């Protein structure tokens, strides 16, 4: 794939973790409070003087339980309010309680598109994840963010043995250069070898980072960051900084762990077809290897706002809670 040429550099790629924006144990239920807060924080991070500007919503469709649209068309007469330079962000979201159930029950992630159950599951999975994508685009639009959904299957993404084989990023580049915020998501896609599979949001982010070279990447999750074991364990320790070397190997820098085994123990929900936290750490390390800082932090917190705003590009404040993954030539694993 030839290198894309953008008018300006991408500032940030954001991953909205499925567990952070949905109620993962309740089928197809959005965490409305978290999604609203995350959308507001994205607006604040994208616009330096967002607090002094009126929010002019762009969702003109009716919502369940709401009688009127969220914006008056008369608001668009104020050109001063509309002349907003949104920083160059890309949003990618996971599926959470959308899509994973359909994919795991039908075996879409394992392939075998010639089987009727898998084919039906492929359709059902895409209905579910694109439904969530629309709701996230609408939430961002209500914050005045000019977002557009770009489902990977419909935008030319495919895989070969679960590795990205093709991805038409020209559409993403054109959207950004036109002033839009692309919103991609984990999706069911065709696979040259398996027939079909699930392309996770984490893999999408790594591919985007490789070709679009953002200044930094933020993963918003339902926990403070990466722990040395499942965070439900009372002895779990938050890993504040992880260094990645040229070979892609990584080690914990802060805090100093007593155990000589620096590997992180992870878990994934039974219906999670994308690998859970283990995939997230692996993809984050590959991004960091490119020289791009990665922040893993709990969504809808003051810590996530600081990460989204780019405040952590140099030294990490003592009071900040999250995990930073960085490239280090001196890292010896």
C-alpha atoms as a PDB file:
ATOM      1  CA  UNK A   1       0.000   0.000   0.000  1.00  0.00           C
ATOM      2  CA  UNK A   2       1.461   3.341  -1.020  1.00  0.00           C
ATOM      3  CA  UNK A   3       1.926   5.989   1.655  1.00  0.00           C
ATOM      4  CA  UNK A   4      -0.980   8.377   1.940  1.00  0.00           C
ATOM      5  CA  UNK A   5      -0.393  12.088   1.688  1.00  0.00           C
ATOM      6  CA  UNK A   6      -2.424  14.261   4.041  1.00  0.00           C
ATOM      7  CA  UNK A   7      -2.586  18.042   4.107  1.00  0.00           C
ATOM      8  CA  UNK A   8      -1.662  17.974   7.812  1.00  0.00           C
ATOM      9  CA  UNK A   9      -0.524  15.361  10.305  1.00  0.00           C
ATOM     10  CA  UNK A  10      -3.063  13.344  12.279  1.00  0.00           C
ATOM     11  CA  UNK A  11      -3.086  14.482  15.881  1.00  0.00           C
ATOM     12  CA  UNK A  12      -4.676  11.487  17.600  1.00  0.00           C
ATOM     13  CA  UNK A  13      -6.340   8.139  16.974  1.00  0.00           C
ATOM     14  CA  UNK A  14      -8.782   7.227  19.751  1.00  0.00           C
ATOM     15  CA  UNK A  15     -10.095   3.760  20.568  1.00  0.00           C
ATOM     16  CA  UNK A  16     -13.400   3.734  22.424  1.00  0.00           C
ATOM     17  CA  UNK A  17     -13.327   0.379  24.182  1.00  0.00           C
ATOM     18  CA  UNK A  18     -16.522  -1.622  23.854  1.00  0.00           C
ATOM     19  CA  UNK A  19     -16.608  -2.310  27.593  1.00  0.00           C
ATOM     20  CA  UNK A  20     -16.389   1.436  28.308  1.00  0.00           C
ATOM     21  CA  UNK A  21     -19.233   2.595  26.061  1.00  0.00           C
ATOM     22  CA  UNK A  22     -21.624  -0.345  26.391  1.00  0.00           C
ATOM     23  CA  UNK A  23     -22.961  -2.428  29.256  1.00  0.00           C
ATOM     24  CA  UNK A  24     -20.984  -5.485  28.263  1.00  0.00           C
ATOM     25  CA  UNK A  25     -23.078  -8.003  30.218  1.00  0.00           C
ATOM     26  CA  UNK A  26     -26.382  -6.712  28.797  1.00  0.00           C
ATOM     27  CA  UNK A  27     -27.046  -7.514  25.144  1.00  0.00           C
ATOM     28  CA  UNK A  28     -26.902  -4.429  22.909  1.00  0.00           C
ATOM     29  CA  UNK A  29     -27.160  -1.849  25.673  1.00  0.00           C
ATOM     30  CA  UNK A  30     -25.188   1.408  25.454  1.00  0.00           C
ATOM     31  CA  UNK A  31     -23.670   3.025  28.539  1.00  0.00           C
ATOM     32  CA  UNK A  32     -25.341   6.352  27.783  1.00  0.00           C
ATOM     33  CA  UNK A  33     -23.660   8.259  30.615  1.00  0.00           C
ATOM     34  CA  UNK A  34     -20.148   7.192  29.617  1.00  0.00           C
ATOM     35  CA  UNK A  35     -20.765   7.789  25.917  1.00  0.00           C
ATOM     36  CA  UNK A  36     -22.074  11.286  26.603  1.00  0.00           C
ATOM     37  CA  UNK A  37     -19.067  12.143  28.783  1.00  0.00           C
ATOM     38  CA  UNK A  38     -16.588  10.677  26.286  1.00  0.00           C
ATOM     39  CA  UNK A  39     -18.189  12.652  23.450  1.00  0.00           C
ATOM     40  CA  UNK A  40     -17.955  15.861  25.466  1.00  0.00           C
ATOM     41  CA  UNK A  41     -14.304  15.183  26.328  1.00  0.00           C
ATOM     42  CA  UNK A  42     -13.482  14.533  22.687  1.00  0.00           C
ATOM     43  CA  UNK A  43     -14.985  17.906  21.797  1.00  0.00           C
ATOM     44  CA  UNK A  44     -12.891  19.588  24.502  1.00  0.00           C
ATOM     45  CA  UNK A  45      -9.740  17.846  23.271  1.00  0.00           C
ATOM     46  CA  UNK A  46     -10.408  18.730  19.632  1.00  0.00           C
ATOM     47  CA  UNK A  47     -11.205  22.422  20.182  1.00  0.00           C
ATOM     48  CA  UNK A  48      -8.889  24.521  22.358  1.00  0.00           C
ATOM     49  CA  UNK A  49     -11.571  27.076  23.266  1.00  0.00           C
ATOM     50  CA  UNK A  50     -14.526  24.680  23.341  1.00  0.00           C
ATOM     51  CA  UNK A  51     -15.793  26.013  26.676  1.00  0.00           C
ATOM     52  CA  UNK A  52     -16.470  29.450  25.164  1.00  0.00           C
ATOM     53  CA  UNK A  53     -18.316  28.101  22.147  1.00  0.00           C
ATOM     54  CA  UNK A  54     -21.938  27.082  21.900  1.00  0.00           C
ATOM     55  CA  UNK A  55     -22.477  23.447  21.012  1.00  0.00           C
ATOM     56  CA  UNK A  56     -24.319  23.290  17.697  1.00  0.00           C
ATOM     57  CA  UNK A  57     -25.626  19.762  17.281  1.00  0.00           C
ATOM     58  CA  UNK A  58     -25.527  17.919  13.963  1.00  0.00           C
ATOM     59  CA  UNK A  59     -27.932  15.075  14.763  1.00  0.00           C
ATOM     60  CA  UNK A  60     -31.191  16.159  13.151  1.00  0.00           C
ATOM     61  CA  UNK A  61     -33.006  12.845  13.527  1.00  0.00           C
ATOM     62  CA  UNK A  62     -35.526  11.918  16.204  1.00  0.00           C
ATOM     63  CA  UNK A  63     -34.383   9.815  19.146  1.00  0.00           C
ATOM     64  CA  UNK A  64     -36.409   7.328  21.132  1.00  0.00           C
ATOM     65  CA  UNK A  65     -38.148   9.111  23.985  1.00  0.00           C
ATOM     66  CA  UNK A  66     -37.217  12.579  22.681  1.00  0.00           C
ATOM     67  CA  UNK A  67     -39.879  14.602  20.879  1.00  0.00           C
ATOM     68  CA  UNK A  68     -37.661  17.162  19.112  1.00  0.00           C
ATOM     69  CA  UNK A  69     -34.355  17.131  17.261  1.00  0.00           C
ATOM     70  CA  UNK A  70     -31.383  18.297  19.332  1.00  0.00           C
ATOM     71  CA  UNK A  71     -30.487  21.345  17.256  1.00  0.00           C
ATOM     72  CA  UNK A  72     -32.242  24.322  15.740  1.00  0.00           C
ATOM     73  CA  UNK A  73     -31.371  25.031  12.130  1.00  0.00           C
ATOM     74  CA  UNK A  74     -31.335  28.740  13.012  1.00  0.00           C
ATOM     75  CA  UNK A  75     -28.115  28.118  14.962  1.00  0.00           C
ATOM     76  CA  UNK A  76     -26.298  27.763  11.659  1.00  0.00           C
ATOM     77  CA  UNK A  77     -26.769  31.439  10.876  1.00  0.00           C
ATOM     78  CA  UNK A  78     -23.943  32.307  13.282  1.00  0.00           C
ATOM     79  CA  UNK A  79     -20.885  31.804  11.100  1.00  0.00           C
ATOM     80  CA  UNK A  80     -18.584  32.699  13.983  1.00  0.00           C
ATOM     81  CA  UNK A  81     -19.772  29.671  15.933  1.00  0.00           C
ATOM     82  CA  UNK A  82     -19.450  27.445  12.881  1.00  0.00           C
ATOM     83  CA  UNK A  83     -15.913  28.497  11.974  1.00  0.00           C
ATOM     84  CA  UNK A  84     -14.364  25.835  14.206  1.00  0.00           C
ATOM     85  CA  UNK A  85     -11.069  24.119  13.436  1.00  0.00           C
ATOM     86  CA  UNK A  86     -11.484  20.571  14.735  1.00  0.00           C
ATOM     87  CA  UNK A  87      -8.152  18.930  15.464  1.00  0.00           C
ATOM     88  CA  UNK A  88      -7.422  15.972  13.263  1.00  0.00           C
ATOM     89  CA  UNK A  89      -8.753  12.967  15.165  1.00  0.00           C
ATOM     90  CA  UNK A  90      -9.821   9.496  14.075  1.00  0.00           C
ATOM     91  CA  UNK A  91     -12.200   7.501  16.276  1.00  0.00           C
ATOM     92  CA  UNK A  92     -12.337   3.698  16.317  1.00  0.00           C
ATOM     93  CA  UNK A  93     -14.681   1.848  18.648  1.00  0.00           C
ATOM     94  CA  UNK A  94     -15.090  -1.685  19.859  1.00  0.00           C
ATOM     95  CA  UNK A  95     -18.352  -3.617  19.918  1.00  0.00           C
ATOM     96  CA  UNK A  96     -18.825  -4.432  23.606  1.00  0.00           C
ATOM     97  CA  UNK A  97     -22.281  -5.963  23.990  1.00  0.00           C
ATOM     98  CA  UNK A  98     -22.946  -5.405  20.270  1.00  0.00           C
ATOM     99  CA  UNK A  99     -21.704  -7.949  17.747  1.00  0.00           C
ATOM    100  CA  UNK A 100     -19.630 -10.212  20.013  1.00  0.00           C
ATOM    101  CA  UNK A 101     -22.654 -12.324  20.975  1.00  0.00           C
ATOM    102  CA  UNK A 102     -23.723 -12.824  17.354  1.00  0.00           C
ATOM    103  CA  UNK A 103     -20.169 -13.571  16.214  1.00  0.00           C
ATOM    104  CA  UNK A 104     -19.370 -16.054  18.977  1.00  0.00           C
ATOM    105  CA  UNK A 105     -22.659 -17.971  18.676  1.00  0.00           C
ATOM    106  CA  UNK A 106     -22.282 -18.403  14.912  1.00  0.00           C
ATOM    107  CA  UNK A 107     -18.491 -18.826  14.755  1.00  0.00           C
ATOM    108  CA  UNK A 108     -17.925 -15.941  12.330  1.00  0.00           C
ATOM    109  CA  UNK A 109     -14.458 -15.320  13.794  1.00  0.00           C
ATOM    110  CA  UNK A 110     -13.391 -18.859  12.846  1.00  0.00           C
ATOM    111  CA  UNK A 111     -14.478 -18.555   9.207  1.00  0.00           C
ATOM    112  CA  UNK A 112     -16.403 -21.044   7.092  1.00  0.00           C
ATOM    113  CA  UNK A 113     -18.688 -18.717   5.194  1.00  0.00           C
ATOM    114  CA  UNK A 114     -20.117 -21.655   3.207  1.00  0.00           C
ATOM    115  CA  UNK A 115     -21.949 -22.793   6.370  1.00  0.00           C
ATOM    116  CA  UNK A 116     -25.488 -21.347   6.665  1.00  0.00           C
ATOM    117  CA  UNK A 117     -25.079 -20.511  10.377  1.00  0.00           C
ATOM    118  CA  UNK A 118     -21.830 -18.618   9.751  1.00  0.00           C
ATOM    119  CA  UNK A 119     -23.317 -16.689   6.837  1.00  0.00           C
ATOM    120  CA  UNK A 120     -26.361 -15.754   8.931  1.00  0.00           C
ATOM    121  CA  UNK A 121     -24.077 -14.796  11.825  1.00  0.00           C
ATOM    122  CA  UNK A 122     -22.016 -12.597   9.506  1.00  0.00           C
ATOM    123  CA  UNK A 123     -25.172 -10.664   8.582  1.00  0.00           C
ATOM    124  CA  UNK A 124     -26.365 -10.522  12.215  1.00  0.00           C
ATOM    125  CA  UNK A 125     -22.967  -9.343  13.464  1.00  0.00           C
ATOM    126  CA  UNK A 126     -22.821  -6.530  10.931  1.00  0.00           C
ATOM    127  CA  UNK A 127     -26.368  -5.409  11.756  1.00  0.00           C
ATOM    128  CA  UNK A 128     -25.382  -5.203  15.414  1.00  0.00           C
ATOM    129  CA  UNK A 129     -22.020  -3.408  15.083  1.00  0.00           C
ATOM    130  CA  UNK A 130     -23.264  -0.912  12.506  1.00  0.00           C
ATOM    131  CA  UNK A 131     -26.204  -0.110  14.799  1.00  0.00           C
ATOM    132  CA  UNK A 132     -23.716   0.789  17.535  1.00  0.00           C
ATOM    133  CA  UNK A 133     -21.604   2.763  15.064  1.00  0.00           C
ATOM    134  CA  UNK A 134     -24.606   4.895  14.130  1.00  0.00           C
ATOM    135  CA  UNK A 135     -25.386   5.625  17.787  1.00  0.00           C
ATOM    136  CA  UNK A 136     -21.782   6.680  18.466  1.00  0.00           C
ATOM    137  CA  UNK A 137     -21.738   8.916  15.386  1.00  0.00           C
ATOM    138  CA  UNK A 138     -24.997  10.482  16.616  1.00  0.00           C
ATOM    139  CA  UNK A 139     -23.581  11.053  20.116  1.00  0.00           C
ATOM    140  CA  UNK A 140     -20.530  12.805  18.651  1.00  0.00           C
ATOM    141  CA  UNK A 141     -22.724  14.801  16.274  1.00  0.00           C
ATOM    142  CA  UNK A 142     -24.830  16.050  19.206  1.00  0.00           C
ATOM    143  CA  UNK A 143     -21.596  17.540  20.568  1.00  0.00           C
ATOM    144  CA  UNK A 144     -21.116  19.400  17.293  1.00  0.00           C
ATOM    145  CA  UNK A 145     -18.389  17.032  16.096  1.00  0.00           C
ATOM    146  CA  UNK A 146     -18.665  16.498  12.290  1.00  0.00           C
ATOM    147  CA  UNK A 147     -18.360  12.725  12.488  1.00  0.00           C
ATOM    148  CA  UNK A 148     -19.117  10.176   9.782  1.00  0.00           C
ATOM    149  CA  UNK A 149     -19.365   6.412  10.159  1.00  0.00           C
ATOM    150  CA  UNK A 150     -16.958   4.380   8.029  1.00  0.00           C
ATOM    151  CA  UNK A 151     -17.667   0.642   8.558  1.00  0.00           C
ATOM    152  CA  UNK A 152     -14.562  -1.321   7.495  1.00  0.00           C
ATOM    153  CA  UNK A 153     -16.446  -3.956   5.464  1.00  0.00           C
ATOM    154  CA  UNK A 154     -18.168  -1.273   3.427  1.00  0.00           C
ATOM    155  CA  UNK A 155     -14.914   0.678   3.030  1.00  0.00           C
ATOM    156  CA  UNK A 156     -12.850  -2.068   1.433  1.00  0.00           C
ATOM    157  CA  UNK A 157     -11.150  -3.732   4.418  1.00  0.00           C
ATOM    158  CA  UNK A 158     -10.447  -7.464   4.161  1.00  0.00           C
ATOM    159  CA  UNK A 159      -8.045  -9.953   5.735  1.00  0.00           C
ATOM    160  CA  UNK A 160      -5.945 -12.989   4.937  1.00  0.00           C
ATOM    161  CA  UNK A 161      -5.703 -15.451   7.835  1.00  0.00           C
ATOM    162  CA  UNK A 162      -6.924 -12.602  10.091  1.00  0.00           C
ATOM    163  CA  UNK A 163      -4.147 -10.223   9.015  1.00  0.00           C
ATOM    164  CA  UNK A 164      -5.155  -7.048   7.185  1.00  0.00           C
ATOM    165  CA  UNK A 165      -4.872  -7.779   3.453  1.00  0.00           C
ATOM    166  CA  UNK A 166      -6.519  -4.676   2.012  1.00  0.00           C
ATOM    167  CA  UNK A 167      -7.817  -1.396   3.382  1.00  0.00           C
ATOM    168  CA  UNK A 168      -8.791   1.594   1.283  1.00  0.00           C
ATOM    169  CA  UNK A 169      -7.495   4.398   3.493  1.00  0.00           C
ATOM    170  CA  UNK A 170      -7.962   7.018   0.798  1.00  0.00           C
ATOM    171  CA  UNK A 171     -11.549   7.498   1.972  1.00  0.00           C
ATOM    172  CA  UNK A 172     -10.351   8.097   5.535  1.00  0.00           C
ATOM    173  CA  UNK A 173      -7.748  10.583   4.291  1.00  0.00           C
ATOM    174  CA  UNK A 174     -10.268  12.449   2.133  1.00  0.00           C
ATOM    175  CA  UNK A 175     -12.734  12.638   5.017  1.00  0.00           C
ATOM    176  CA  UNK A 176     -10.089  14.112   7.317  1.00  0.00           C
ATOM    177  CA  UNK A 177      -8.875  16.616   4.733  1.00  0.00           C
ATOM    178  CA  UNK A 178     -12.526  17.634   4.224  1.00  0.00           C
ATOM    179  CA  UNK A 179     -12.888  18.437   7.928  1.00  0.00           C
ATOM    180  CA  UNK A 180     -14.723  15.302   9.064  1.00  0.00           C
ATOM    181  CA  UNK A 181     -13.928  12.934  11.936  1.00  0.00           C
ATOM    182  CA  UNK A 182     -13.980   9.327  10.623  1.00  0.00           C
ATOM    183  CA  UNK A 183     -15.551   6.791  12.994  1.00  0.00           C
ATOM    184  CA  UNK A 184     -14.515   3.181  12.297  1.00  0.00           C
ATOM    185  CA  UNK A 185     -15.247   0.046  14.313  1.00  0.00           C
ATOM    186  CA  UNK A 186     -14.533  -3.629  14.742  1.00  0.00           C
ATOM    187  CA  UNK A 187     -16.392  -5.439  11.979  1.00  0.00           C
ATOM    188  CA  UNK A 188     -17.090  -8.739  10.274  1.00  0.00           C
ATOM    189  CA  UNK A 189     -15.033  -8.851   7.062  1.00  0.00           C
ATOM    190  CA  UNK A 190     -14.192 -11.264   4.263  1.00  0.00           C
ATOM    191  CA  UNK A 191     -10.976 -13.291   4.594  1.00  0.00           C
ATOM    192  CA  UNK A 192      -9.054 -14.655   1.582  1.00  0.00           C
ATOM    193  CA  UNK A 193      -8.258 -17.924   3.362  1.00  0.00           C
ATOM    194  CA  UNK A 194     -10.920 -18.419   6.052  1.00  0.00           C
ATOM    195  CA  UNK A 195     -13.837 -16.982   4.125  1.00  0.00           C
ATOM    196  CA  UNK A 196     -14.628 -14.488   6.863  1.00  0.00           C
ATOM    197  CA  UNK A 197     -13.493 -13.358  10.294  1.00  0.00           C
ATOM    198  CA  UNK A 198     -13.749 -10.545  12.828  1.00  0.00           C
ATOM    199  CA  UNK A 199     -11.441  -7.555  12.333  1.00  0.00           C
ATOM    200  CA  UNK A 200     -10.965  -6.010  15.767  1.00  0.00           C
ATOM    201  CA  UNK A 201     -10.823  -2.276  16.463  1.00  0.00           C
ATOM    202  CA  UNK A 202      -7.380  -2.732  18.021  1.00  0.00           C
ATOM    203  CA  UNK A 203      -5.978  -4.215  14.806  1.00  0.00           C
ATOM    204  CA  UNK A 204      -7.613  -1.406  12.811  1.00  0.00           C
ATOM    205  CA  UNK A 205      -5.914   1.200  15.003  1.00  0.00           C
ATOM    206  CA  UNK A 206      -2.496  -0.360  14.519  1.00  0.00           C
ATOM    207  CA  UNK A 207      -2.972  -0.390  10.731  1.00  0.00           C
ATOM    208  CA  UNK A 208      -4.130   3.235  10.746  1.00  0.00           C
ATOM    209  CA  UNK A 209      -1.177   4.248  12.930  1.00  0.00           C
ATOM    210  CA  UNK A 210       1.302   2.550  10.602  1.00  0.00           C
ATOM    211  CA  UNK A 211       0.052   4.440   7.546  1.00  0.00           C
ATOM    212  CA  UNK A 212      -1.241   7.737   8.959  1.00  0.00           C
ATOM    213  CA  UNK A 213       1.416   8.344  11.680  1.00  0.00           C
ATOM    214  CA  UNK A 214      -0.607  10.145  14.395  1.00  0.00           C
ATOM    215  CA  UNK A 215       1.150  12.141  17.111  1.00  0.00           C
ATOM    216  CA  UNK A 216      -0.296   9.851  19.805  1.00  0.00           C
ATOM    217  CA  UNK A 217      -2.899   7.130  20.359  1.00  0.00           C
ATOM    218  CA  UNK A 218      -5.391   6.808  23.236  1.00  0.00           C
ATOM    219  CA  UNK A 219      -7.210   3.624  24.276  1.00  0.00           C
ATOM    220  CA  UNK A 220     -10.243   4.395  26.470  1.00  0.00           C
ATOM    221  CA  UNK A 221     -11.179   1.371  28.597  1.00  0.00           C
ATOM    222  CA  UNK A 222     -13.354   0.430  31.567  1.00  0.00           C
ATOM    223  CA  UNK A 223     -10.348   0.174  33.929  1.00  0.00           C
ATOM    224  CA  UNK A 224      -7.591   2.634  34.880  1.00  0.00           C
ATOM    225  CA  UNK A 225      -5.025   1.019  32.589  1.00  0.00           C
ATOM    226  CA  UNK A 226      -2.931  -2.143  32.289  1.00  0.00           C
ATOM    227  CA  UNK A 227      -2.429  -4.207  35.439  1.00  0.00           C
ATOM    228  CA  UNK A 228       0.030  -6.996  36.181  1.00  0.00           C
ATOM    229  CA  UNK A 229      -2.965  -9.318  36.588  1.00  0.00           C
ATOM    230  CA  UNK A 230      -6.757  -9.036  36.222  1.00  0.00           C
ATOM    231  CA  UNK A 231      -7.805  -5.814  38.016  1.00  0.00           C
ATOM    232  CA  UNK A 232     -10.423  -7.733  40.004  1.00  0.00           C
ATOM    233  CA  UNK A 233      -7.518  -9.352  41.899  1.00  0.00           C
ATOM    234  CA  UNK A 234      -6.980  -7.414  45.153  1.00  0.00           C
ATOM    235  CA  UNK A 235      -3.202  -7.623  44.620  1.00  0.00           C
ATOM    236  CA  UNK A 236      -3.332  -6.193  41.103  1.00  0.00           C
ATOM    237  CA  UNK A 237      -0.786  -3.420  40.420  1.00  0.00           C
ATOM    238  CA  UNK A 238      -1.393  -0.643  37.871  1.00  0.00           C
ATOM    239  CA  UNK A 239       1.499  -0.498  35.395  1.00  0.00           C
ATOM    240  CA  UNK A 240       2.202   3.196  34.806  1.00  0.00           C
ATOM    241  CA  UNK A 241       4.855   2.933  32.085  1.00  0.00           C
ATOM    242  CA  UNK A 242       5.841   0.174  29.672  1.00  0.00           C
ATOM    243  CA  UNK A 243       8.860   0.424  27.352  1.00  0.00           C
ATOM    244  CA  UNK A 244       8.991  -1.270  23.943  1.00  0.00           C
ATOM    245  CA  UNK A 245      12.271  -1.985  22.155  1.00  0.00           C
ATOM    246  CA  UNK A 246      13.126  -2.236  18.434  1.00  0.00           C
ATOM    247  CA  UNK A 247      12.237  -5.940  18.390  1.00  0.00           C
ATOM    248  CA  UNK A 248       8.754  -5.269  19.770  1.00  0.00           C
ATOM    249  CA  UNK A 249       9.587  -6.772  23.145  1.00  0.00           C
ATOM    250  CA  UNK A 250       8.377  -4.832  26.145  1.00  0.00           C
ATOM    251  CA  UNK A 251       9.114  -4.464  29.847  1.00  0.00           C
ATOM    252  CA  UNK A 252       7.591  -2.624  32.790  1.00  0.00           C
ATOM    253  CA  UNK A 253       9.426   0.599  33.706  1.00  0.00           C
ATOM    254  CA  UNK A 254       7.115   1.909  36.434  1.00  0.00           C
ATOM    255  CA  UNK A 255       6.485   0.669  39.036  1.00  0.00           C
ATOM    256  CA  UNK A 256       9.305  -1.748  39.806  1.00  0.00           C
ATOM    257  CA  UNK A 257       7.675  -5.161  40.173  1.00  0.00           C
ATOM    258  CA  UNK A 258       8.900  -7.619  42.774  1.00  0.00           C
ATOM    259  CA  UNK A 259       8.291 -10.565  40.483  1.00  0.00           C
ATOM    260  CA  UNK A 260      10.949 -11.263  37.867  1.00  0.00           C
ATOM    261  CA  UNK A 261       8.174 -12.360  35.505  1.00  0.00           C
ATOM    262  CA  UNK A 262       7.114  -9.117  33.832  1.00  0.00           C
ATOM    263  CA  UNK A 263       4.404 -10.666  31.684  1.00  0.00           C
ATOM    264  CA  UNK A 264       0.872  -9.450  32.254  1.00  0.00           C
ATOM    265  CA  UNK A 265      -1.899 -11.919  33.038  1.00  0.00           C
ATOM    266  CA  UNK A 266      -5.088 -11.066  31.184  1.00  0.00           C
ATOM    267  CA  UNK A 267      -8.626 -12.333  30.851  1.00  0.00           C
ATOM    268  CA  UNK A 268     -11.305 -12.009  28.173  1.00  0.00           C
ATOM    269  CA  UNK A 269     -15.065 -12.414  28.406  1.00  0.00           C
ATOM    270  CA  UNK A 270     -16.332 -15.735  27.065  1.00  0.00           C
ATOM    271  CA  UNK A 271     -18.142 -13.997  24.197  1.00  0.00           C
ATOM    272  CA  UNK A 272     -15.206 -11.719  23.271  1.00  0.00           C
ATOM    273  CA  UNK A 273     -14.029 -12.823  19.817  1.00  0.00           C
ATOM    274  CA  UNK A 274     -11.237 -10.224  19.546  1.00  0.00           C
ATOM    275  CA  UNK A 275      -8.807 -11.282  22.291  1.00  0.00           C
ATOM    276  CA  UNK A 276      -9.600  -8.727  24.994  1.00  0.00           C
ATOM    277  CA  UNK A 277      -6.793  -6.931  26.837  1.00  0.00           C
ATOM    278  CA  UNK A 278      -4.082  -9.267  25.509  1.00  0.00           C
ATOM    279  CA  UNK A 279      -4.740  -8.114  21.940  1.00  0.00           C
ATOM    280  CA  UNK A 280      -4.904  -4.503  23.108  1.00  0.00           C
ATOM    281  CA  UNK A 281      -1.443  -4.673  24.752  1.00  0.00           C
ATOM    282  CA  UNK A 282       0.073  -6.453  21.753  1.00  0.00           C
ATOM    283  CA  UNK A 283      -1.285  -3.920  19.253  1.00  0.00           C
ATOM    284  CA  UNK A 284      -0.333  -0.992  21.525  1.00  0.00           C
ATOM    285  CA  UNK A 285       3.247  -2.301  21.693  1.00  0.00           C
ATOM    286  CA  UNK A 286       3.407  -2.492  17.887  1.00  0.00           C
ATOM    287  CA  UNK A 287       2.228   1.126  17.673  1.00  0.00           C
ATOM    288  CA  UNK A 288       4.753   2.266  20.274  1.00  0.00           C
ATOM    289  CA  UNK A 289       7.490   0.544  18.268  1.00  0.00           C
ATOM    290  CA  UNK A 290       6.725   3.093  15.524  1.00  0.00           C
ATOM    291  CA  UNK A 291       7.716   5.873  17.929  1.00  0.00           C
ATOM    292  CA  UNK A 292       4.115   6.810  18.722  1.00  0.00           C
ATOM    293  CA  UNK A 293       3.134   7.174  22.399  1.00  0.00           C
ATOM    294  CA  UNK A 294       0.123   5.090  23.470  1.00  0.00           C
ATOM    295  CA  UNK A 295      -2.036   5.892  26.509  1.00  0.00           C
ATOM    296  CA  UNK A 296      -4.396   3.311  28.004  1.00  0.00           C
ATOM    297  CA  UNK A 297      -6.763   4.985  30.459  1.00  0.00           C
ATOM    298  CA  UNK A 298     -10.231   4.725  31.959  1.00  0.00           C
ATOM    299  CA  UNK A 299     -12.895   6.447  29.880  1.00  0.00           C
ATOM    300  CA  UNK A 300     -14.964   9.389  31.123  1.00  0.00           C
ATOM    301  CA  UNK A 301     -12.460  10.449  33.813  1.00  0.00           C
ATOM    302  CA  UNK A 302     -10.212  13.464  34.320  1.00  0.00           C
ATOM    303  CA  UNK A 303      -7.316  11.162  33.419  1.00  0.00           C
ATOM    304  CA  UNK A 304      -8.828  10.364  30.012  1.00  0.00           C
ATOM    305  CA  UNK A 305      -9.388  14.056  29.252  1.00  0.00           C
ATOM    306  CA  UNK A 306      -5.716  14.809  29.905  1.00  0.00           C
ATOM    307  CA  UNK A 307      -4.650  11.963  27.628  1.00  0.00           C
ATOM    308  CA  UNK A 308      -7.005  13.022  24.831  1.00  0.00           C
ATOM    309  CA  UNK A 309      -5.832  16.635  25.079  1.00  0.00           C
ATOM    310  CA  UNK A 310      -2.196  15.660  24.556  1.00  0.00           C
ATOM    311  CA  UNK A 311      -1.022  16.863  27.977  1.00  0.00           C
ATOM    312  CA  UNK A 312       1.081  13.751  28.566  1.00  0.00           C
ATOM    313  CA  UNK A 313       3.431  14.092  25.613  1.00  0.00           C
ATOM    314  CA  UNK A 314       6.433  14.794  27.841  1.00  0.00           C
ATOM    315  CA  UNK A 315       6.544  13.911  31.546  1.00  0.00           C
ATOM    316  CA  UNK A 316       3.691  11.961  33.103  1.00  0.00           C
ATOM    317  CA  UNK A 317       2.228  13.860  36.106  1.00  0.00           C
ATOM    318  CA  UNK A 318       2.414  11.954  39.390  1.00  0.00           C
ATOM    319  CA  UNK A 319      -1.327  12.211  39.915  1.00  0.00           C
ATOM    320  CA  UNK A 320      -2.263  10.838  36.501  1.00  0.00           C
ATOM    321  CA  UNK A 321      -3.645   7.302  36.537  1.00  0.00           C
ATOM    322  CA  UNK A 322      -3.256   5.218  33.424  1.00  0.00           C
ATOM    323  CA  UNK A 323      -0.634   3.305  31.440  1.00  0.00           C
ATOM    324  CA  UNK A 324       1.842   4.828  28.990  1.00  0.00           C
ATOM    325  CA  UNK A 325       3.474   2.584  26.389  1.00  0.00           C
ATOM    326  CA  UNK A 326       6.527   4.138  24.710  1.00  0.00           C
ATOM    327  CA  UNK A 327       9.359   3.213  22.421  1.00  0.00           C
ATOM    328  CA  UNK A 328      12.773   3.015  24.062  1.00  0.00           C
ATOM    329  CA  UNK A 329      16.029   2.210  22.272  1.00  0.00           C
ATOM    330  CA  UNK A 330      17.596   1.476  25.657  1.00  0.00           C
ATOM    331  CA  UNK A 331      14.936  -1.066  26.646  1.00  0.00           C
ATOM    332  CA  UNK A 332      16.503  -4.423  27.543  1.00  0.00           C
ATOM    333  CA  UNK A 333      13.905  -7.100  28.085  1.00  0.00           C
END
